[in-house]
Amino acid sequence: MSDTHTGEPPLLRTAQNMIVENDDIADTIVLRRPPARAEVMAEICRQLEPFQADDGRAITGATVISKDLSIDSLAVMDMVMDLEDQFDVSIPMNVVAEIHTVDELADTILALSARR
């Protein structure tokens, strides 16, 4: 099947919002897409920026959160809760304890959001 004007195959489009009507009640269902890795990394870096060391090193995926930054465990937990809310995931406490780097935190968020 092709577009009669250009001869190219038609584009496949996906719905981000879907309206469902049932018994005269209309509801809108919003389909969530998993966040992109760049989006997750940018948000983690934004939240960690106030804790960046004075030596001018940038926060990267290899940054060890508790070692390379001046952040305490309470601030880490607050940040994790903010990230959970923002990306609609729940990171179990035993998993949080095993996260050391920014990459590991991003990977955890992406893995959990893919399961939704």
C-alpha atoms as a PDB file:
ATOM      1  CA  MET A   1       0.000   0.000   0.000  1.00  0.00           C
ATOM      2  CA  SER A   2       1.407   3.423  -0.860  1.00  0.00           C
ATOM      3  CA  ASP A   3       0.476   7.074  -0.760  1.00  0.00           C
ATOM      4  CA  THR A   4      -1.093   7.875  -4.118  1.00  0.00           C
ATOM      5  CA  HIS A   5       0.514  11.324  -4.221  1.00  0.00           C
ATOM      6  CA  THR A   6       4.148  10.426  -3.470  1.00  0.00           C
ATOM      7  CA  GLY A   7       4.293   6.697  -4.159  1.00  0.00           C
ATOM      8  CA  GLU A   8       5.831   6.137  -0.698  1.00  0.00           C
ATOM      9  CA  PRO A   9       4.396   3.757   1.891  1.00  0.00           C
ATOM     10  CA  PRO A  10       2.037   5.424   4.376  1.00  0.00           C
ATOM     11  CA  LEU A  11       3.432   6.474   7.747  1.00  0.00           C
ATOM     12  CA  LEU A  12       2.519   4.462  10.795  1.00  0.00           C
ATOM     13  CA  ARG A  13       1.287   6.760  13.524  1.00  0.00           C
ATOM     14  CA  THR A  14       0.716   5.881  17.152  1.00  0.00           C
ATOM     15  CA  ALA A  15      -1.769   7.475  19.479  1.00  0.00           C
ATOM     16  CA  GLN A  16      -0.552   9.218  22.602  1.00  0.00           C
ATOM     17  CA  ASN A  17      -4.066   9.994  23.820  1.00  0.00           C
ATOM     18  CA  MET A  18      -7.056   7.771  23.295  1.00  0.00           C
ATOM     19  CA  ILE A  19     -10.671   8.618  24.087  1.00  0.00           C
ATOM     20  CA  VAL A  20     -12.774   5.729  25.319  1.00  0.00           C
ATOM     21  CA  GLU A  21     -16.548   5.982  25.389  1.00  0.00           C
ATOM     22  CA  ASN A  22     -18.586   3.574  27.462  1.00  0.00           C
ATOM     23  CA  ASP A  23     -22.166   4.061  28.608  1.00  0.00           C
ATOM     24  CA  ASP A  24     -22.160   7.742  27.671  1.00  0.00           C
ATOM     25  CA  ILE A  25     -19.027   8.367  29.736  1.00  0.00           C
ATOM     26  CA  ALA A  26     -15.941   9.535  27.892  1.00  0.00           C
ATOM     27  CA  ASP A  27     -12.533   9.072  29.493  1.00  0.00           C
ATOM     28  CA  THR A  28      -9.158   9.970  28.100  1.00  0.00           C
ATOM     29  CA  ILE A  29      -6.410   7.430  28.439  1.00  0.00           C
ATOM     30  CA  VAL A  30      -2.915   8.855  28.173  1.00  0.00           C
ATOM     31  CA  LEU A  31      -0.401   6.329  26.947  1.00  0.00           C
ATOM     32  CA  ARG A  32       2.974   6.944  28.565  1.00  0.00           C
ATOM     33  CA  ARG A  33       6.124   6.386  26.617  1.00  0.00           C
ATOM     34  CA  PRO A  34       9.204   5.221  28.466  1.00  0.00           C
ATOM     35  CA  PRO A  35      11.594   8.105  29.099  1.00  0.00           C
ATOM     36  CA  ALA A  36      14.672   8.425  26.925  1.00  0.00           C
ATOM     37  CA  ARG A  37      18.036   7.757  28.555  1.00  0.00           C
ATOM     38  CA  ALA A  38      19.137  11.328  27.803  1.00  0.00           C
ATOM     39  CA  GLU A  39      16.043  12.663  29.588  1.00  0.00           C
ATOM     40  CA  VAL A  40      16.740  10.550  32.689  1.00  0.00           C
ATOM     41  CA  MET A  41      20.446  11.444  32.734  1.00  0.00           C
ATOM     42  CA  ALA A  42      19.689  15.150  32.336  1.00  0.00           C
ATOM     43  CA  GLU A  43      17.256  15.089  35.262  1.00  0.00           C
ATOM     44  CA  ILE A  44      19.646  13.162  37.519  1.00  0.00           C
ATOM     45  CA  CYS A  45      22.479  15.571  36.689  1.00  0.00           C
ATOM     46  CA  ARG A  46      20.188  18.560  37.287  1.00  0.00           C
ATOM     47  CA  GLN A  47      19.259  17.243  40.725  1.00  0.00           C
ATOM     48  CA  LEU A  48      22.874  16.417  41.621  1.00  0.00           C
ATOM     49  CA  GLU A  49      24.277  19.751  40.421  1.00  0.00           C
ATOM     50  CA  PRO A  50      24.009  21.485  43.842  1.00  0.00           C
ATOM     51  CA  PHE A  51      26.188  18.719  45.307  1.00  0.00           C
ATOM     52  CA  GLN A  52      28.899  18.929  42.658  1.00  0.00           C
ATOM     53  CA  ALA A  53      32.457  19.021  44.011  1.00  0.00           C
ATOM     54  CA  ASP A  54      34.359  22.301  43.877  1.00  0.00           C
ATOM     55  CA  ASP A  55      37.056  20.789  41.637  1.00  0.00           C
ATOM     56  CA  GLY A  56      34.976  21.573  38.536  1.00  0.00           C
ATOM     57  CA  ARG A  57      34.570  17.985  37.345  1.00  0.00           C
ATOM     58  CA  ALA A  58      31.354  17.480  35.425  1.00  0.00           C
ATOM     59  CA  ILE A  59      28.772  14.964  36.600  1.00  0.00           C
ATOM     60  CA  THR A  60      28.869  11.998  34.207  1.00  0.00           C
ATOM     61  CA  GLY A  61      27.532   8.479  34.142  1.00  0.00           C
ATOM     62  CA  ALA A  62      30.678   7.284  35.908  1.00  0.00           C
ATOM     63  CA  THR A  63      30.242   9.726  38.801  1.00  0.00           C
ATOM     64  CA  VAL A  64      30.027   7.806  42.081  1.00  0.00           C
ATOM     65  CA  ILE A  65      27.190   9.569  43.873  1.00  0.00           C
ATOM     66  CA  SER A  66      28.337   9.119  47.484  1.00  0.00           C
ATOM     67  CA  LYS A  67      32.068   9.478  46.786  1.00  0.00           C
ATOM     68  CA  ASP A  68      32.452  12.114  44.055  1.00  0.00           C
ATOM     69  CA  LEU A  69      29.748  14.484  45.308  1.00  0.00           C
ATOM     70  CA  SER A  70      29.211  16.252  48.618  1.00  0.00           C
ATOM     71  CA  ILE A  71      25.825  14.659  49.280  1.00  0.00           C
ATOM     72  CA  ASP A  72      24.541  12.890  52.368  1.00  0.00           C
ATOM     73  CA  SER A  73      22.266   9.858  52.492  1.00  0.00           C
ATOM     74  CA  LEU A  74      19.169  11.913  53.346  1.00  0.00           C
ATOM     75  CA  ALA A  75      19.662  14.111  50.290  1.00  0.00           C
ATOM     76  CA  VAL A  76      20.147  10.989  48.155  1.00  0.00           C
ATOM     77  CA  MET A  77      16.852   9.563  49.417  1.00  0.00           C
ATOM     78  CA  ASP A  78      15.059  12.872  48.740  1.00  0.00           C
ATOM     79  CA  MET A  79      16.476  12.911  45.213  1.00  0.00           C
ATOM     80  CA  VAL A  80      15.461   9.284  44.616  1.00  0.00           C
ATOM     81  CA  MET A  81      11.896  10.048  45.778  1.00  0.00           C
ATOM     82  CA  ASP A  82      11.742  13.041  43.405  1.00  0.00           C
ATOM     83  CA  LEU A  83      12.975  10.867  40.532  1.00  0.00           C
ATOM     84  CA  GLU A  84      10.437   8.162  41.402  1.00  0.00           C
ATOM     85  CA  ASP A  85       7.640  10.733  41.244  1.00  0.00           C
ATOM     86  CA  GLN A  86       8.880  12.295  38.040  1.00  0.00           C
ATOM     87  CA  PHE A  87       9.355   9.016  36.160  1.00  0.00           C
ATOM     88  CA  ASP A  88       6.458   7.157  37.833  1.00  0.00           C
ATOM     89  CA  VAL A  89       8.587   4.307  39.192  1.00  0.00           C
ATOM     90  CA  SER A  90       9.237   2.809  42.609  1.00  0.00           C
ATOM     91  CA  ILE A  91      12.803   1.828  43.415  1.00  0.00           C
ATOM     92  CA  PRO A  92      12.950  -0.747  46.220  1.00  0.00           C
ATOM     93  CA  MET A  93      15.176   0.193  49.171  1.00  0.00           C
ATOM     94  CA  ASN A  94      17.457  -2.819  48.671  1.00  0.00           C
ATOM     95  CA  VAL A  95      18.037  -1.704  45.067  1.00  0.00           C
ATOM     96  CA  VAL A  96      18.754   1.895  46.132  1.00  0.00           C
ATOM     97  CA  ALA A  97      21.470   0.572  48.445  1.00  0.00           C
ATOM     98  CA  GLU A  98      23.184  -1.130  45.482  1.00  0.00           C
ATOM     99  CA  ILE A  99      23.214   1.970  43.245  1.00  0.00           C
ATOM    100  CA  HIS A 100      26.594   3.708  43.253  1.00  0.00           C
ATOM    101  CA  THR A 101      26.956   5.619  39.994  1.00  0.00           C
ATOM    102  CA  VAL A 102      24.785   7.972  37.976  1.00  0.00           C
ATOM    103  CA  ASP A 103      24.686   5.361  35.177  1.00  0.00           C
ATOM    104  CA  GLU A 104      23.402   2.705  37.596  1.00  0.00           C
ATOM    105  CA  LEU A 105      20.666   5.053  38.808  1.00  0.00           C
ATOM    106  CA  ALA A 106      19.635   5.885  35.240  1.00  0.00           C
ATOM    107  CA  ASP A 107      19.659   2.198  34.245  1.00  0.00           C
ATOM    108  CA  THR A 108      17.456   1.345  37.228  1.00  0.00           C
ATOM    109  CA  ILE A 109      14.919   4.046  36.371  1.00  0.00           C
ATOM    110  CA  LEU A 110      14.845   2.995  32.709  1.00  0.00           C
ATOM    111  CA  ALA A 111      14.431  -0.704  33.574  1.00  0.00           C
ATOM    112  CA  LEU A 112      11.586   0.004  35.995  1.00  0.00           C
ATOM    113  CA  SER A 113       9.795   2.384  33.614  1.00  0.00           C
ATOM    114  CA  ALA A 114      10.021  -0.204  30.808  1.00  0.00           C
ATOM    115  CA  ARG A 115       8.064  -2.667  32.984  1.00  0.00           C
ATOM    116  CA  ARG A 116       5.063  -0.345  33.274  1.00  0.00           C
END
